[in-house]
Structures are given as structure tokens and as C-alpha cells.
Amino acid sequence: MDYIVIKIGGSTLTNMHDSIIEDIVALKKQGYKPLIVHGGGPFINQSLELQEVATEFKDGLRVTTHEVLSVTTQTLIGQVNPSLVNKINQFGIQSIGMNGIDAQLFDIKPLDL
């Protein structure tokens, strides 16, 4: 079986149509192993606003302070990822949610903008 990486942007997640999940189900039935990478910008923006955490962008990238990172982590791991996993599971595909913290999947370094 071949893996296939699918990126779903945060703005797509805000109005996610069943057809997207149906396409993922079809890929699975064709023998692919879908790996979904998702964004969450609109959800993060809303959480930052609700928690009154200021944020800024430079060259189209969010400047991630410790406070912004905390809210972002809470939002992606606690809200966005579980919601997406649940939706996929409702279509009969067993799925799990992972994040960059799990098993230290990512080695990250800050950008100097």
C-alpha cells in the first residue's frame, strides 16, 4: 500500500463538506493509506481573539510568541484535530490524531524574520 499525503487547510475545515471525506474513503478503498495534514488558522484566530491574545503576521507568517503557541497548541490538539478524526471515523475509516509533540515528530527551529 502506498501512502498519500492530503493537506486540508484551516479555511476548508470551517465548512468541511462530506464530499472531502468521501474522497478520502475512496482513496482508502483503492488501497492508499491517507495521511492528513491539516491547518487551523481560522480556529486559532478565533481562540486568540476569545482569550484576548495579541498576534501579528510578518511576510504572511504568524509570529508565534509563547502565549500564541500555547493557544495554538490548545486549539489544534484539543479542538481541530479531534473534530477531524471524529468526522473521518463517522465514515467508517479508523483514524487517529497525531501532532508534532507526539514522539517528537518534528525538529523545529525558529525563523529569523
Protein backbone atom coordinates (compact mmCIF):
# COMPACT_ATOMS: atom_id res chain seq x y z
CA MET A 1 0.00 0.00 0.00
CA ASP A 2 1.16 3.48 -0.83
CA TYR A 3 0.80 6.44 1.47
CA ILE A 4 -0.79 9.60 0.16
CA VAL A 5 -0.47 12.94 1.96
CA ILE A 6 -3.52 15.19 1.89
CA LYS A 7 -3.34 18.79 3.13
CA ILE A 8 -6.60 20.28 4.35
CA GLY A 9 -6.35 23.97 5.08
CA GLY A 10 -7.99 25.53 8.10
CA SER A 11 -10.39 27.56 5.98
CA THR A 12 -11.58 24.32 4.34
CA LEU A 13 -12.18 22.80 7.76
CA THR A 14 -14.52 25.63 8.74
CA ASN A 15 -17.01 24.50 6.08
CA MET A 16 -15.97 20.91 5.56
CA HIS A 17 -18.22 19.09 3.12
CA ASP A 18 -18.83 15.36 3.34
CA SER A 19 -17.51 15.03 -0.22
CA ILE A 20 -13.97 15.64 1.07
CA ILE A 21 -14.23 12.72 3.48
CA GLU A 22 -15.92 10.62 0.78
CA ASP A 23 -12.89 11.25 -1.46
CA ILE A 24 -10.60 10.10 1.34
CA VAL A 25 -12.74 6.96 1.78
CA ALA A 26 -12.46 6.30 -1.98
CA LEU A 27 -8.66 6.61 -1.82
CA LYS A 28 -8.60 4.17 1.09
CA LYS A 29 -10.74 1.69 -0.88
CA GLN A 30 -8.27 1.99 -3.78
CA GLY A 31 -5.51 0.77 -1.48
CA TYR A 32 -3.94 4.05 -0.40
CA LYS A 33 -3.08 4.96 3.17
CA PRO A 34 -4.16 8.59 3.56
CA LEU A 35 -2.09 10.79 5.85
CA ILE A 36 -3.92 14.03 6.50
CA VAL A 37 -2.09 17.20 7.44
CA HIS A 38 -4.40 20.00 8.49
CA GLY A 39 -4.27 23.65 9.26
CA GLY A 40 -6.42 25.59 11.64
CA GLY A 41 -5.85 29.29 11.04
CA PRO A 42 -9.46 30.45 11.44
CA PHE A 43 -9.88 28.38 14.62
CA ILE A 44 -6.59 29.70 16.01
CA ASN A 45 -7.59 33.28 15.19
CA GLN A 46 -10.91 32.80 16.97
CA SER A 47 -9.25 31.27 20.05
CA LEU A 48 -6.66 34.05 20.21
CA GLU A 49 -9.41 36.65 19.99
CA LEU A 50 -11.54 34.95 22.67
CA GLN A 51 -8.54 34.74 25.00
CA GLU A 52 -7.53 38.30 24.12
CA VAL A 53 -4.07 37.27 22.96
CA ALA A 54 -2.50 39.70 20.51
CA THR A 55 -0.98 38.25 17.37
CA GLU A 56 0.85 39.63 14.38
CA PHE A 57 1.94 38.45 10.96
CA LYS A 58 5.22 39.12 9.15
CA ASP A 59 5.51 38.25 5.48
CA GLY A 60 2.31 36.19 5.73
CA LEU A 61 3.57 34.11 8.66
CA ARG A 62 2.16 34.27 12.17
CA VAL A 63 4.69 35.49 14.74
CA THR A 64 4.42 32.79 17.38
CA THR A 65 5.14 34.02 20.88
CA HIS A 66 4.99 31.61 23.82
CA GLU A 67 1.46 32.79 24.58
CA VAL A 68 0.34 32.39 20.95
CA LEU A 69 1.95 28.93 20.83
CA SER A 70 0.06 27.88 23.95
CA VAL A 71 -3.30 28.92 22.50
CA THR A 72 -2.43 27.39 19.12
CA THR A 73 -1.49 24.08 20.72
CA GLN A 74 -4.69 24.01 22.77
CA THR A 75 -6.76 24.77 19.68
CA LEU A 76 -5.16 22.34 17.25
CA ILE A 77 -4.69 19.41 19.64
CA GLY A 78 -7.81 19.97 21.73
CA GLN A 79 -10.33 21.06 19.11
CA VAL A 80 -9.38 20.88 15.44
CA ASN A 81 -7.61 17.51 15.30
CA PRO A 82 -10.16 15.56 17.39
CA SER A 83 -13.03 17.05 15.39
CA LEU A 84 -11.46 15.97 12.10
CA VAL A 85 -10.63 12.48 13.41
CA ASN A 86 -14.22 12.09 14.66
CA LYS A 87 -15.64 13.15 11.28
CA ILE A 88 -13.44 10.66 9.42
CA ASN A 89 -14.34 7.88 11.87
CA GLN A 90 -18.04 8.55 11.20
CA PHE A 91 -17.40 7.49 7.61
CA GLY A 92 -16.06 4.10 8.69
CA ILE A 93 -12.35 4.78 8.43
CA GLN A 94 -10.48 4.05 11.63
CA SER A 95 -8.28 7.06 12.19
CA ILE A 96 -6.11 8.51 14.90
CA GLY A 97 -4.89 12.02 15.51
CA MET A 98 -1.23 12.82 15.91
CA ASN A 99 0.66 16.03 16.39
CA GLY A 100 4.23 17.27 16.26
CA ILE A 101 4.62 16.86 20.01
CA ASP A 102 3.87 13.12 19.82
CA ALA A 103 7.15 11.20 19.68
CA GLN A 104 8.90 14.48 18.80
CA LEU A 105 7.86 14.04 15.17
CA PHE A 106 9.22 17.41 14.12
CA ASP A 107 12.57 19.07 14.69
CA ILE A 108 11.78 22.77 14.54
CA LYS A 109 13.84 25.90 14.64
CA PRO A 110 12.51 29.47 14.75
CA LEU A 111 12.76 31.60 11.62
CA ASP A 112 14.63 34.86 11.88
CA LEU A 113 12.36 37.28 10.03
